[in-house]
């Protein structure tokens, strides 16, 4: 196991900050990004190019993208929900887009005001726009469960992947547990089915929430199904504004601690990551989660009192 490697995508600066009502000063966001980088994070969903009216927290996307560009070796991923926003991101020099669409028609309509098929056509247009040095990821929200309709039929997810695969086999396909209600058996089964059905797709990732305390277990199920790219959020920050009741992503520090105990390398310094998570937990209005940060902080307090 010691030779095993997992790539952590830190999504806190986007998924974690997005639902916070009070605007976080751009300088503070940049400081937290710096702390994550100093902890060893080398891939980050740093912001989103979305309507500032719909998501005011992301209004400073161009400034944050420019700040991140000063960090050597940082793979800067930015979320885009439409062709127009992809054009904005590319004009701001983004070179790794994360296009989001939902398997569930109701959630896709709520989230991006489109049917899934309309989003597939948006994806086709975005792929045509990409410069040669750009990459794209697909975030397939509600791949397992919909906040409006409940469990999603695996066939619906696979059929949407099939439509998208006809557009691009080079994209990274991220199956997302938007509500946190999926269980590890379903995560593993869907990834195995997808990898078997679409052998031409070589890049897979998992994005999960921790609403029911299954974030780490579901991430491990994806990892054991051969998925080496896992999303997480420092301090467990997050919550989807279009998925009522969803808490944050699985906490990055929970994953780092777990993988370290398993002998799986991440390249991330847990102690420095915890410093960033502790600071993020003080953000007004932040929804924090995870277990490892509280446990290790309690251990430190006991040691100081001994």
Protein backbone atom coordinates (compact mmCIF):
# COMPACT_ATOMS: atom_id res chain seq x y z
CA UNK A 1 0.00 0.00 0.00
CA UNK A 2 2.90 2.38 0.63
CA UNK A 3 3.35 2.96 -3.10
CA UNK A 4 -0.31 3.87 -3.56
CA UNK A 5 -1.04 7.47 -4.44
CA UNK A 6 -4.23 9.48 -4.29
CA UNK A 7 -4.76 12.96 -5.70
CA UNK A 8 -6.77 15.26 -3.46
CA UNK A 9 -8.70 18.09 -5.11
CA UNK A 10 -9.25 20.80 -2.50
CA UNK A 11 -12.63 22.34 -3.26
CA UNK A 12 -13.09 24.42 -0.11
CA UNK A 13 -12.30 27.76 -1.77
CA UNK A 14 -15.24 27.17 -4.11
CA UNK A 15 -17.65 24.63 -2.65
CA UNK A 16 -16.85 25.65 0.92
CA UNK A 17 -17.06 29.40 0.47
CA UNK A 18 -20.00 29.45 -1.97
CA UNK A 19 -22.86 29.02 0.54
CA UNK A 20 -21.50 31.56 3.06
CA UNK A 21 -23.80 34.57 2.98
CA UNK A 22 -21.42 37.25 4.25
CA UNK A 23 -18.85 38.14 1.60
CA UNK A 24 -15.41 36.86 2.54
CA UNK A 25 -12.81 39.53 1.74
CA UNK A 26 -10.77 38.58 -1.30
CA UNK A 27 -7.55 39.07 0.67
CA UNK A 28 -8.73 36.54 3.28
CA UNK A 29 -9.66 34.03 0.59
CA UNK A 30 -6.19 34.49 -0.91
CA UNK A 31 -4.58 33.96 2.51
CA UNK A 32 -6.48 30.70 3.02
CA UNK A 33 -5.50 29.55 -0.47
CA UNK A 34 -1.89 30.35 0.42
CA UNK A 35 -2.15 28.27 3.61
CA UNK A 36 -3.57 25.33 1.65
CA UNK A 37 -0.79 25.61 -0.91
CA UNK A 38 1.81 25.72 1.87
CA UNK A 39 0.29 22.52 3.29
CA UNK A 40 1.04 20.76 0.01
CA UNK A 41 -2.24 21.13 -1.89
CA UNK A 42 -1.39 21.10 -5.59
CA UNK A 43 -4.84 20.87 -7.16
CA UNK A 44 -7.60 23.20 -6.11
CA UNK A 45 -11.05 24.27 -7.24
CA UNK A 46 -10.24 27.85 -6.36
CA UNK A 47 -13.39 29.68 -7.45
CA UNK A 48 -16.35 29.66 -9.84
CA UNK A 49 -17.29 31.81 -12.78
CA UNK A 50 -21.01 32.19 -12.16
CA UNK A 51 -23.53 35.01 -12.11
CA UNK A 52 -22.52 37.42 -9.32
CA UNK A 53 -26.22 38.05 -8.76
CA UNK A 54 -26.92 34.35 -8.20
CA UNK A 55 -23.77 33.64 -6.14
CA UNK A 56 -22.32 36.94 -4.84
CA UNK A 57 -19.57 35.08 -2.96
CA UNK A 58 -17.91 34.21 -6.28
CA UNK A 59 -17.87 37.76 -7.68
CA UNK A 60 -14.08 38.02 -7.22
CA UNK A 61 -13.30 34.97 -9.38
CA UNK A 62 -10.94 36.81 -11.79
CA UNK A 63 -8.88 38.25 -8.93
CA UNK A 64 -8.55 34.89 -7.18
CA UNK A 65 -7.63 33.15 -10.41
CA UNK A 66 -4.87 35.71 -10.95
CA UNK A 67 -3.63 35.20 -7.39
CA UNK A 68 -3.53 31.42 -7.76
CA UNK A 69 -1.56 31.78 -10.99
CA UNK A 70 1.39 33.02 -8.91
CA UNK A 71 1.69 29.63 -7.18
CA UNK A 72 4.18 27.35 -8.99
CA UNK A 73 2.82 23.89 -9.74
CA UNK A 74 -0.75 24.64 -8.63
CA UNK A 75 -3.41 23.10 -10.86
CA UNK A 76 -6.15 25.74 -10.69
CA UNK A 77 -9.60 24.36 -11.43
CA UNK A 78 -12.55 26.77 -11.79
CA UNK A 79 -16.20 25.79 -11.94
CA UNK A 80 -18.39 26.96 -14.84
CA UNK A 81 -22.12 26.15 -15.34
CA UNK A 82 -22.59 27.39 -18.90
CA UNK A 83 -20.90 28.30 -22.16
CA UNK A 84 -21.07 32.01 -21.33
CA UNK A 85 -19.34 31.53 -17.99
CA UNK A 86 -16.75 29.26 -19.62
CA UNK A 87 -15.98 32.07 -22.04
CA UNK A 88 -15.53 34.46 -19.10
CA UNK A 89 -13.19 32.02 -17.38
CA UNK A 90 -11.08 31.43 -20.49
CA UNK A 91 -10.86 35.17 -21.08
CA UNK A 92 -9.50 35.49 -17.52
CA UNK A 93 -6.80 32.93 -18.42
CA UNK A 94 -8.34 29.87 -16.76
CA UNK A 95 -6.87 26.69 -18.19
CA UNK A 96 -8.71 24.01 -16.19
CA UNK A 97 -12.48 24.22 -16.29
CA UNK A 98 -14.93 22.16 -14.23
CA UNK A 99 -18.25 22.09 -16.05
CA UNK A 100 -21.18 21.19 -13.81
CA UNK A 101 -24.43 19.53 -14.84
CA UNK A 102 -26.87 17.25 -13.04
CA UNK A 103 -28.19 13.81 -13.87
CA UNK A 104 -31.51 14.74 -12.26
CA UNK A 105 -33.60 17.00 -14.55
CA UNK A 106 -35.15 18.81 -11.57
CA UNK A 107 -31.78 19.54 -9.98
CA UNK A 108 -30.25 20.64 -13.29
CA UNK A 109 -33.15 23.01 -13.85
CA UNK A 110 -32.79 24.39 -10.32
CA UNK A 111 -29.02 24.67 -10.54
CA UNK A 112 -28.32 25.89 -14.09
CA UNK A 113 -31.79 26.50 -15.60
CA UNK A 114 -31.35 23.84 -18.27
CA UNK A 115 -32.31 20.29 -19.07
CA UNK A 116 -29.47 17.77 -18.87
CA UNK A 117 -29.51 17.46 -22.67
CA UNK A 118 -29.17 21.24 -23.02
CA UNK A 119 -26.19 21.04 -20.68
CA UNK A 120 -24.67 18.33 -22.89
CA UNK A 121 -24.89 20.76 -25.81
CA UNK A 122 -23.30 23.46 -23.65
CA UNK A 123 -20.48 21.04 -22.94
CA UNK A 124 -20.05 20.40 -26.66
CA UNK A 125 -19.74 24.15 -27.28
CA UNK A 126 -17.24 24.56 -24.44
CA UNK A 127 -15.03 21.74 -25.68
CA UNK A 128 -14.92 23.46 -29.06
CA UNK A 129 -13.74 26.66 -27.34
CA UNK A 130 -10.90 25.09 -25.38
CA UNK A 131 -7.39 26.20 -26.33
CA UNK A 132 -4.81 23.42 -26.80
CA UNK A 133 -3.30 23.92 -23.34
CA UNK A 134 -6.63 23.71 -21.47
CA UNK A 135 -8.23 20.80 -19.58
CA UNK A 136 -11.81 20.12 -18.62
CA UNK A 137 -13.56 18.16 -15.91
CA UNK A 138 -17.23 17.16 -15.78
CA UNK A 139 -18.90 17.40 -12.37
CA UNK A 140 -21.96 15.17 -12.70
CA UNK A 141 -24.09 16.33 -9.79
CA UNK A 142 -26.79 14.02 -8.39
CA UNK A 143 -25.04 10.98 -9.87
CA UNK A 144 -26.41 8.93 -6.97
CA UNK A 145 -29.19 10.89 -5.30
CA UNK A 146 -31.34 13.96 -5.96
CA UNK A 147 -32.56 16.35 -3.22
CA UNK A 148 -35.93 16.55 -4.99
CA UNK A 149 -36.54 13.01 -6.28
CA UNK A 150 -34.40 10.79 -4.04
CA UNK A 151 -32.23 7.90 -5.32
CA UNK A 152 -31.10 8.24 -8.93
CA UNK A 153 -31.25 5.18 -11.18
CA UNK A 154 -27.66 4.18 -12.06
CA UNK A 155 -28.82 3.74 -15.67
CA UNK A 156 -29.68 7.46 -15.82
CA UNK A 157 -26.16 8.39 -14.73
CA UNK A 158 -24.53 5.96 -17.15
CA UNK A 159 -26.71 7.18 -20.03
CA UNK A 160 -25.68 10.77 -19.36
CA UNK A 161 -22.02 9.73 -19.24
CA UNK A 162 -22.53 8.02 -22.59
CA UNK A 163 -23.88 11.23 -24.14
CA UNK A 164 -20.99 13.25 -22.74
CA UNK A 165 -18.38 10.65 -23.75
CA UNK A 166 -19.44 11.13 -27.38
CA UNK A 167 -18.33 14.74 -26.99
CA UNK A 168 -15.03 14.12 -25.20
CA UNK A 169 -13.19 11.03 -23.98
CA UNK A 170 -10.34 13.18 -22.63
CA UNK A 171 -12.37 14.97 -19.96
CA UNK A 172 -12.21 13.91 -16.32
CA UNK A 173 -15.56 12.44 -15.23
CA UNK A 174 -16.42 13.20 -11.61
CA UNK A 175 -19.45 11.41 -10.15
CA UNK A 176 -20.89 13.55 -7.36
CA UNK A 177 -22.89 12.56 -4.29
CA UNK A 178 -24.61 15.93 -3.99
CA UNK A 179 -26.79 15.11 -0.97
CA UNK A 180 -24.47 12.84 1.01
CA UNK A 181 -27.15 10.15 1.14
CA UNK A 182 -25.42 7.47 -0.92
CA UNK A 183 -23.78 4.45 0.71
CA UNK A 184 -20.37 2.92 -0.07
CA UNK A 185 -21.77 -0.13 -1.85
CA UNK A 186 -23.57 2.06 -4.40
CA UNK A 187 -20.51 4.27 -4.90
CA UNK A 188 -18.29 1.29 -5.65
CA UNK A 189 -20.88 -0.42 -7.86
CA UNK A 190 -21.49 2.66 -10.01
CA UNK A 191 -17.81 3.37 -10.58
CA UNK A 192 -17.12 -0.26 -11.48
CA UNK A 193 -20.06 -0.27 -13.89
CA UNK A 194 -18.97 3.01 -15.46
CA UNK A 195 -15.35 1.95 -15.90
CA UNK A 196 -16.44 -1.34 -17.45
CA UNK A 197 -18.94 0.29 -19.82
CA UNK A 198 -16.66 3.15 -20.88
CA UNK A 199 -13.11 1.80 -21.16
CA UNK A 200 -12.23 4.77 -23.39
CA UNK A 201 -12.66 7.13 -20.42
CA UNK A 202 -9.40 7.15 -18.47
CA UNK A 203 -9.98 9.93 -15.94
CA UNK A 204 -12.42 9.45 -13.08
CA UNK A 205 -12.99 11.35 -9.83
CA UNK A 206 -15.37 11.31 -6.85
CA UNK A 207 -17.01 14.25 -5.08
CA UNK A 208 -18.96 13.46 -1.91
CA UNK A 209 -20.70 15.22 0.93
CA UNK A 210 -20.69 14.17 4.57
CA UNK A 211 -24.33 14.82 5.44
CA UNK A 212 -24.83 11.39 7.04
CA UNK A 213 -21.25 10.84 8.17
CA UNK A 214 -20.35 8.61 5.22
CA UNK A 215 -17.98 10.98 3.41
CA UNK A 216 -14.77 9.09 4.18
CA UNK A 217 -16.38 5.67 3.66
CA UNK A 218 -17.74 6.71 0.28
CA UNK A 219 -14.39 8.19 -0.77
CA UNK A 220 -12.69 4.92 0.17
CA UNK A 221 -15.28 2.98 -1.82
CA UNK A 222 -14.43 5.06 -4.88
CA UNK A 223 -10.70 4.64 -4.21
CA UNK A 224 -11.10 0.86 -3.90
CA UNK A 225 -12.96 0.88 -7.22
CA UNK A 226 -9.86 2.36 -8.85
CA UNK A 227 -10.60 6.08 -8.56
CA UNK A 228 -7.48 7.98 -7.52
CA UNK A 229 -8.86 11.56 -7.66
CA UNK A 230 -10.98 12.55 -4.66
CA UNK A 231 -12.55 15.94 -3.87
CA UNK A 232 -12.62 17.26 -0.31
CA UNK A 233 -12.95 20.52 1.59
CA UNK A 234 -10.72 21.77 4.40
CA UNK A 235 -12.60 22.05 7.67
CA UNK A 236 -15.48 20.18 6.04
CA UNK A 237 -16.70 23.53 4.70
CA UNK A 238 -19.55 23.50 2.23
CA UNK A 239 -23.17 22.83 1.55
CA UNK A 240 -24.99 23.14 -1.76
CA UNK A 241 -27.44 26.08 -1.95
CA UNK A 242 -29.53 24.04 -4.40
CA UNK A 243 -29.53 20.87 -2.26
CA UNK A 244 -31.36 21.76 0.96
CA UNK A 245 -29.86 20.11 4.05
CA UNK A 246 -26.60 19.04 2.39
CA UNK A 247 -23.58 19.66 4.59
CA UNK A 248 -20.07 20.22 3.40
CA UNK A 249 -17.82 17.91 1.49
CA UNK A 250 -15.88 15.28 3.35
CA UNK A 251 -13.21 17.14 5.33
CA UNK A 252 -9.79 17.12 3.65
CA UNK A 253 -8.08 16.50 6.98
CA UNK A 254 -10.27 13.42 7.59
CA UNK A 255 -9.17 11.97 4.26
CA UNK A 256 -5.50 12.84 4.77
CA UNK A 257 -5.47 11.22 8.22
CA UNK A 258 -7.25 8.11 6.90
CA UNK A 259 -5.05 7.67 3.84
CA UNK A 260 -1.91 8.20 5.93
CA UNK A 261 -2.99 5.41 8.30
CA UNK A 262 -3.52 3.20 5.24
CA UNK A 263 -0.06 3.99 3.85
CA UNK A 264 -1.49 5.90 0.90
CA UNK A 265 0.57 8.96 -0.06
CA UNK A 266 -1.13 12.32 -0.59
CA UNK A 267 1.79 14.75 -0.38
CA UNK A 268 -0.13 16.92 2.11
CA UNK A 269 1.15 18.01 5.53
CA UNK A 270 -1.69 17.32 8.00
CA UNK A 271 -0.45 19.74 10.68
CA UNK A 272 -0.29 22.66 8.25
CA UNK A 273 -3.62 21.69 6.74
CA UNK A 274 -5.17 21.79 10.20
CA UNK A 275 -3.95 25.37 10.63
CA UNK A 276 -5.86 26.34 7.50
CA UNK A 277 -8.93 24.38 8.61
CA UNK A 278 -8.91 26.04 12.05
CA UNK A 279 -8.79 29.47 10.44
CA UNK A 280 -11.57 28.58 7.99
CA UNK A 281 -13.75 27.41 10.88
CA UNK A 282 -13.80 30.98 12.21
CA UNK A 283 -15.39 32.41 9.06
CA UNK A 284 -18.76 34.01 9.93
CA UNK A 285 -21.56 31.83 8.64
CA UNK A 286 -19.32 28.90 7.72
CA UNK A 287 -20.78 25.39 7.91
CA UNK A 288 -17.90 23.29 9.24
CA UNK A 289 -17.62 19.54 9.61
CA UNK A 290 -15.25 16.63 9.90
CA UNK A 291 -13.90 14.68 12.86
CA UNK A 292 -10.12 14.67 12.73
CA UNK A 293 -9.67 18.38 13.40
CA UNK A 294 -11.73 18.24 16.60
CA UNK A 295 -10.06 15.02 17.75
CA UNK A 296 -6.50 16.24 17.22
CA UNK A 297 -7.23 19.65 18.70
CA UNK A 298 -8.69 17.96 21.80
CA UNK A 299 -5.62 15.74 22.03
CA UNK A 300 -3.37 18.80 21.86
CA UNK A 301 -5.33 20.50 24.65
CA UNK A 302 -5.03 17.41 26.85
CA UNK A 303 -1.30 17.25 26.27
CA UNK A 304 -0.90 20.93 27.13
CA UNK A 305 -2.80 20.43 30.40
CA UNK A 306 -0.85 17.31 31.39
